[in-house]
Amino acid sequence: MLGIRDQVPVLFALICEKIALAEKSKWVGGSLDEAILTQQTRYQKFAVASTPRAGTHLLRTMLGSHPSIEMHGEAFNRFGQHLLPYSTHDATIQTILERHLFRPYFEYVEAVGFVLFRDLDEHWGEDDVWGALAKIPDLKVILLDRTNRLERFVSLQKSLRDHVWYVGKNDSRVMPDSRLAVSCDELTEFINHDLENRAQFCTRFCECNIFPVAYEDLLKDPDAMAAALLEFLGVSPARLLVGTGKKEQRPIGTIVSNFDEIKSRLSHTEYAHYI
C-alpha cells in the first residue's frame, strides 16, 4: 500500500475512500457506488418456507446446486444462533436481510433465497419476522410441505431422540432400526397445529407469489419439480442435484408399532389424508 501511495496517489486515495465508506457503513456493501449496488441486487429474492422433517435440506441442496442461485440456510433460527454469524443481540431483522441475505452479489447471480421454518421462526427476539418479510417487494415464497404428517411426526420424534437432523448423500452411518408407538391424540394435535400455522402463514403472505411444493413430489419426480421451481423463480434452466440422503428407508408401517390402530381410528376422518 505504501508503494501505491507513492507511485499512484490517485488510486491510493480511491482505495482509502472506499475503505472509509465500508467502515462507516459497517459492511463491505457500503463502499459500492449506487449504480453498481443496483446491478448487483437485481436478483430474484425468495424464501423456502418449511417445517422440520419436511424435506428442507433436500430442497435447499437442490436449489443450491444451481450455479446462479445463492441459497442460505435457516437465517432466523433463534434456537441455533451458535450456528449463525450474528445473534438477536447484535443484528436486527433488517440488518440480516440487507447485509447477510440480500446483499450485493456478482451479476451472474439470478436468485437469492433462504430457509424459514414457518412454525419456529415467527420472531427474531421481540421483532416480527413474518411482517418484515411480507413487506419485501416481489418476494417469492416456495411453500414446502410433507403431505404425510404421520411420517413427519415420526421423523421428528426420532430426530429429537438421536439428534440426527441431516444425512448427506454419501453418509454411511447405520441408523438404528427402532420402532415407536404413536399417540393418536398427540398426532391429531400435531396435525391441527401444523395446518393452523400454515393457514396463518398463507394469510400473512397473501400478497406474495407462493408456490406450493410437496416433499413427496420432490422424491417422485425431482427433475420435473426442479424445472417447475426454476421457472417459478425465473432462473435459467439447469440440472439440479440433490445433496442429501434419506435417513429412513423403511415403510412407515414397520416403524410405528401401532400403525394399524392409527390407520383404523383416522381412516374415515379429516386426518386420513395426512397418514
Protein backbone atom coordinates (compact mmCIF):
# COMPACT_ATOMS: atom_id res chain seq x y z
CA MET A 1 0.00 0.00 0.00
CA LEU A 2 2.88 2.38 0.72
CA GLY A 3 4.19 1.73 -2.78
CA ILE A 4 0.80 2.54 -4.28
CA ARG A 5 0.59 5.68 -2.20
CA ASP A 6 3.92 6.92 -3.56
CA GLN A 7 3.59 5.71 -7.17
CA VAL A 8 -0.17 6.00 -7.87
CA PRO A 9 -1.55 8.54 -5.40
CA VAL A 10 -4.92 8.80 -7.20
CA LEU A 11 -5.52 5.04 -6.84
CA PHE A 12 -4.38 5.13 -3.22
CA ALA A 13 -6.84 7.94 -2.47
CA LEU A 14 -9.67 5.96 -4.11
CA ILE A 15 -8.87 2.85 -2.05
CA CYS A 16 -8.82 4.90 1.14
CA GLU A 17 -12.16 6.42 0.23
CA LYS A 18 -13.76 3.01 -0.32
CA ILE A 19 -12.36 1.66 2.94
CA ALA A 20 -13.69 4.69 4.79
CA LEU A 21 -17.14 4.17 3.27
CA ALA A 22 -17.14 0.49 4.22
CA GLU A 23 -16.09 1.31 7.78
CA LYS A 24 -18.75 3.99 8.05
CA SER A 25 -21.49 1.62 6.87
CA LYS A 26 -20.02 -1.29 8.87
CA TRP A 27 -20.10 -3.64 5.86
CA VAL A 28 -18.39 -4.05 2.52
CA GLY A 29 -21.54 -3.20 0.52
CA GLY A 30 -21.35 0.31 1.88
CA SER A 31 -18.35 1.01 -0.34
CA LEU A 32 -20.20 0.30 -3.59
CA ASP A 33 -21.34 3.03 -5.93
CA GLU A 34 -25.13 3.31 -6.29
CA ALA A 35 -25.10 2.11 -9.92
CA ILE A 36 -23.03 -0.98 -9.08
CA LEU A 37 -25.13 -1.69 -5.99
CA THR A 38 -28.27 -1.62 -8.13
CA GLN A 39 -26.77 -4.00 -10.69
CA GLN A 40 -25.64 -6.45 -8.01
CA THR A 41 -29.02 -6.59 -6.25
CA ARG A 42 -31.24 -7.23 -9.27
CA TYR A 43 -31.68 -10.91 -8.48
CA GLN A 44 -34.96 -12.58 -7.51
CA LYS A 45 -35.44 -12.76 -3.75
CA PHE A 46 -37.16 -15.84 -2.35
CA ALA A 47 -37.79 -17.82 0.81
CA VAL A 48 -38.29 -21.55 1.30
CA ALA A 49 -40.97 -21.77 3.98
CA SER A 50 -40.90 -25.21 5.54
CA THR A 51 -41.07 -27.16 8.79
CA PRO A 52 -38.60 -29.58 10.43
CA ARG A 53 -38.51 -33.05 8.81
CA ALA A 54 -40.39 -31.95 5.70
CA GLY A 55 -37.55 -32.27 3.18
CA THR A 56 -35.99 -28.87 3.79
CA HIS A 57 -32.38 -29.99 3.27
CA LEU A 58 -33.37 -31.90 0.15
CA LEU A 59 -34.89 -28.80 -1.45
CA ARG A 60 -32.17 -26.48 -0.13
CA THR A 61 -29.35 -28.54 -1.62
CA MET A 62 -31.23 -28.92 -4.91
CA LEU A 63 -31.65 -25.18 -5.34
CA GLY A 64 -28.13 -24.50 -4.07
CA SER A 65 -26.67 -26.73 -6.78
CA HIS A 66 -27.74 -24.22 -9.44
CA PRO A 67 -24.71 -22.10 -10.44
CA SER A 68 -26.75 -18.88 -10.43
CA ILE A 69 -28.70 -19.40 -7.19
CA GLU A 70 -27.28 -18.27 -3.85
CA MET A 71 -29.00 -20.44 -1.23
CA HIS A 72 -28.79 -19.70 2.50
CA GLY A 73 -29.91 -21.88 5.39
CA GLU A 74 -32.10 -21.02 8.37
CA ALA A 75 -31.43 -17.30 8.57
CA PHE A 76 -33.74 -16.64 11.53
CA ASN A 77 -33.07 -19.76 13.60
CA ARG A 78 -33.07 -18.17 17.04
CA PHE A 79 -32.70 -21.62 18.64
CA GLY A 80 -29.45 -22.24 16.76
CA GLN A 81 -27.78 -18.85 16.97
CA HIS A 82 -24.43 -20.52 17.66
CA LEU A 83 -24.53 -21.64 14.02
CA LEU A 84 -25.08 -18.11 12.69
CA PRO A 85 -22.58 -15.24 12.23
CA TYR A 86 -24.98 -12.97 14.15
CA SER A 87 -27.46 -13.12 17.02
CA THR A 88 -30.58 -11.45 18.37
CA HIS A 89 -28.26 -9.26 20.48
CA ASP A 90 -26.28 -7.70 17.64
CA ALA A 91 -28.39 -7.95 14.48
CA THR A 92 -31.87 -6.71 13.64
CA ILE A 93 -34.09 -8.33 11.03
CA GLN A 94 -33.26 -5.53 8.61
CA THR A 95 -29.53 -5.96 9.17
CA ILE A 96 -29.79 -9.68 8.43
CA LEU A 97 -31.78 -9.03 5.27
CA GLU A 98 -29.57 -6.26 3.91
CA ARG A 99 -26.10 -7.41 4.95
CA HIS A 100 -26.26 -11.20 5.19
CA LEU A 101 -29.00 -12.37 2.82
CA PHE A 102 -29.97 -9.86 0.16
CA ARG A 103 -26.62 -8.14 -0.13
CA PRO A 104 -24.73 -7.37 -3.36
CA TYR A 105 -23.64 -10.39 -5.42
CA PHE A 106 -21.83 -10.72 -8.73
CA GLU A 107 -24.12 -10.15 -11.71
CA TYR A 108 -24.32 -13.84 -12.63
CA VAL A 109 -26.46 -14.50 -9.53
CA GLU A 110 -30.09 -14.72 -10.67
CA ALA A 111 -31.80 -15.58 -7.39
CA VAL A 112 -31.02 -15.44 -3.67
CA GLY A 113 -33.01 -17.36 -1.09
CA PHE A 114 -33.03 -18.68 2.45
CA VAL A 115 -34.89 -21.19 4.62
CA LEU A 116 -37.63 -20.11 7.01
CA PHE A 117 -39.23 -22.62 9.37
CA ARG A 118 -42.76 -21.23 9.49
CA ASP A 119 -43.57 -22.91 12.81
CA LEU A 120 -40.38 -21.80 14.59
CA ASP A 121 -39.14 -18.57 13.01
CA GLU A 122 -42.04 -16.18 13.55
CA HIS A 123 -39.98 -13.84 15.72
CA TRP A 124 -36.38 -12.69 15.98
CA GLY A 125 -36.01 -11.56 19.55
CA GLU A 126 -39.09 -9.41 20.05
CA ASP A 127 -39.47 -8.49 16.38
CA ASP A 128 -41.95 -9.88 13.86
CA VAL A 129 -40.10 -11.84 11.16
CA TRP A 130 -43.19 -12.62 9.10
CA GLY A 131 -44.24 -8.98 8.99
CA ALA A 132 -40.79 -7.83 7.85
CA LEU A 133 -40.56 -10.48 5.13
CA ALA A 134 -44.09 -9.90 3.83
CA LYS A 135 -43.15 -6.28 3.13
CA ILE A 136 -40.26 -7.18 0.80
CA PRO A 137 -41.27 -6.15 -2.74
CA ASP A 138 -41.57 -9.06 -5.21
CA LEU A 139 -40.51 -11.67 -2.64
CA LYS A 140 -41.39 -15.17 -3.87
CA VAL A 141 -42.20 -17.98 -1.44
CA ILE A 142 -41.71 -21.70 -2.00
CA LEU A 143 -44.07 -23.35 0.49
CA LEU A 144 -42.76 -26.84 1.24
CA ASP A 145 -44.99 -29.39 2.97
CA ARG A 146 -44.75 -33.06 3.76
CA THR A 147 -48.26 -34.27 2.99
CA ASN A 148 -47.91 -37.36 5.17
CA ARG A 149 -47.94 -35.70 8.58
CA LEU A 150 -47.64 -39.07 10.32
CA GLU A 151 -44.29 -39.67 8.63
CA ARG A 152 -43.16 -36.16 9.55
CA PHE A 153 -44.31 -36.59 13.15
CA VAL A 154 -42.43 -39.89 13.46
CA SER A 155 -39.32 -38.48 11.78
CA LEU A 156 -39.38 -35.52 14.15
CA GLN A 157 -39.70 -37.75 17.22
CA LYS A 158 -36.79 -39.92 16.04
CA SER A 159 -34.54 -36.92 15.35
CA LEU A 160 -35.31 -35.47 18.76
CA ARG A 161 -34.07 -38.76 20.20
CA ASP A 162 -30.99 -39.48 18.07
CA HIS A 163 -30.09 -35.84 17.23
CA VAL A 164 -29.58 -36.72 13.55
CA TRP A 165 -31.11 -33.87 11.55
CA TYR A 166 -29.12 -34.11 8.34
CA VAL A 167 -27.94 -37.07 6.30
CA GLY A 168 -25.52 -36.42 3.45
CA LYS A 169 -25.85 -38.13 0.10
CA ASN A 170 -22.86 -40.39 0.78
CA ASP A 171 -23.45 -40.76 4.51
CA SER A 172 -22.59 -44.32 5.54
CA ARG A 173 -23.83 -44.14 9.13
CA VAL A 174 -26.04 -47.04 10.20
CA MET A 175 -29.31 -45.73 11.58
CA PRO A 176 -30.93 -47.68 14.44
CA ASP A 177 -33.96 -49.76 13.41
CA SER A 178 -36.02 -48.57 16.35
CA ARG A 179 -39.80 -48.67 16.47
CA LEU A 180 -42.13 -46.40 18.38
CA ALA A 181 -45.77 -46.15 19.36
CA VAL A 182 -47.68 -43.04 18.34
CA SER A 183 -50.40 -41.48 20.46
CA CYS A 184 -53.40 -40.81 18.24
CA ASP A 185 -54.32 -37.74 20.27
CA GLU A 186 -50.79 -36.33 20.02
CA LEU A 187 -50.76 -36.95 16.28
CA THR A 188 -54.07 -35.18 15.64
CA GLU A 189 -52.97 -32.28 17.83
CA PHE A 190 -49.74 -32.10 15.81
CA ILE A 191 -51.67 -32.06 12.54
CA ASN A 192 -54.11 -29.43 13.79
CA HIS A 193 -51.31 -27.14 14.94
CA ASP A 194 -49.44 -27.54 11.66
CA LEU A 195 -52.48 -26.80 9.50
CA GLU A 196 -53.40 -23.80 11.63
CA ASN A 197 -49.86 -22.43 11.41
CA ARG A 198 -49.82 -22.99 7.65
CA ALA A 199 -53.11 -21.12 7.23
CA GLN A 200 -51.80 -18.22 9.33
CA PHE A 201 -48.63 -18.10 7.24
CA CYS A 202 -50.56 -18.03 3.95
CA THR A 203 -52.75 -15.23 5.28
CA ARG A 204 -49.76 -13.11 6.29
CA PHE A 205 -48.05 -13.68 2.93
CA CYS A 206 -51.17 -13.38 0.78
CA GLU A 207 -49.59 -10.54 -1.22
CA CYS A 208 -46.58 -12.69 -2.14
CA ASN A 209 -46.32 -15.12 -5.03
CA ILE A 210 -46.49 -18.54 -3.32
CA PHE A 211 -45.52 -21.83 -5.00
CA PRO A 212 -46.68 -24.91 -3.02
CA VAL A 213 -44.39 -27.94 -3.15
CA ALA A 214 -44.97 -31.39 -1.67
CA TYR A 215 -41.98 -33.33 -0.36
CA GLU A 216 -43.47 -36.48 -1.86
CA ASP A 217 -43.43 -34.89 -5.33
CA LEU A 218 -39.77 -33.96 -4.92
CA LEU A 219 -38.97 -37.62 -4.27
CA LYS A 220 -41.23 -38.95 -7.02
CA ASP A 221 -40.04 -36.73 -9.89
CA PRO A 222 -37.17 -34.43 -8.85
CA ASP A 223 -36.35 -33.34 -12.42
CA ALA A 224 -39.90 -32.18 -13.17
CA MET A 225 -40.14 -30.38 -9.83
CA ALA A 226 -36.74 -28.75 -10.40
CA ALA A 227 -37.87 -27.42 -13.77
CA ALA A 228 -41.08 -26.04 -12.26
CA LEU A 229 -39.18 -24.38 -9.41
CA LEU A 230 -36.67 -22.71 -11.73
CA GLU A 231 -39.49 -21.45 -13.93
CA PHE A 232 -41.23 -20.04 -10.86
CA LEU A 233 -38.06 -18.23 -9.78
CA GLY A 234 -37.34 -17.01 -13.31
CA VAL A 235 -33.91 -18.64 -13.28
CA SER A 236 -32.16 -20.11 -16.32
CA PRO A 237 -32.67 -23.89 -16.79
CA ALA A 238 -30.07 -26.22 -15.31
CA ARG A 239 -29.93 -29.71 -13.90
CA LEU A 240 -30.29 -29.62 -10.13
CA LEU A 241 -28.55 -32.17 -7.92
CA VAL A 242 -29.72 -33.50 -4.57
CA GLY A 243 -27.12 -33.25 -1.82
CA THR A 244 -28.86 -35.30 0.87
CA GLY A 245 -29.56 -38.92 1.62
CA LYS A 246 -32.73 -40.41 3.07
CA LYS A 247 -32.48 -41.03 6.78
CA GLU A 248 -35.26 -43.61 6.95
CA GLN A 249 -35.74 -46.23 4.25
CA ARG A 250 -38.34 -48.41 5.96
CA PRO A 251 -42.09 -48.06 5.27
CA ILE A 252 -43.96 -46.17 7.97
CA GLY A 253 -45.96 -49.29 8.83
CA THR A 254 -42.81 -51.06 10.00
CA ILE A 255 -41.68 -48.13 12.15
CA VAL A 256 -44.89 -47.32 14.02
CA SER A 257 -45.74 -50.28 16.25
CA ASN A 258 -49.44 -49.33 16.43
CA PHE A 259 -49.78 -48.26 12.79
CA ASP A 260 -52.88 -50.39 12.15
CA GLU A 261 -54.61 -48.83 15.15
CA ILE A 262 -53.77 -45.29 13.97
CA LYS A 263 -54.97 -46.01 10.46
CA SER A 264 -58.18 -47.61 11.68
CA ARG A 265 -59.07 -44.73 14.00
CA LEU A 266 -58.34 -41.98 11.47
CA SER A 267 -59.23 -43.60 8.15
CA HIS A 268 -62.73 -42.06 7.98
CA THR A 269 -61.84 -38.67 9.45
CA GLU A 270 -60.44 -35.42 8.09
CA TYR A 271 -56.99 -36.69 9.14
CA ALA A 272 -56.99 -39.64 6.72
CA HIS A 273 -55.34 -37.51 4.02
CA TYR A 274 -52.32 -36.94 6.28
CA ILE A 275 -51.46 -40.56 7.19
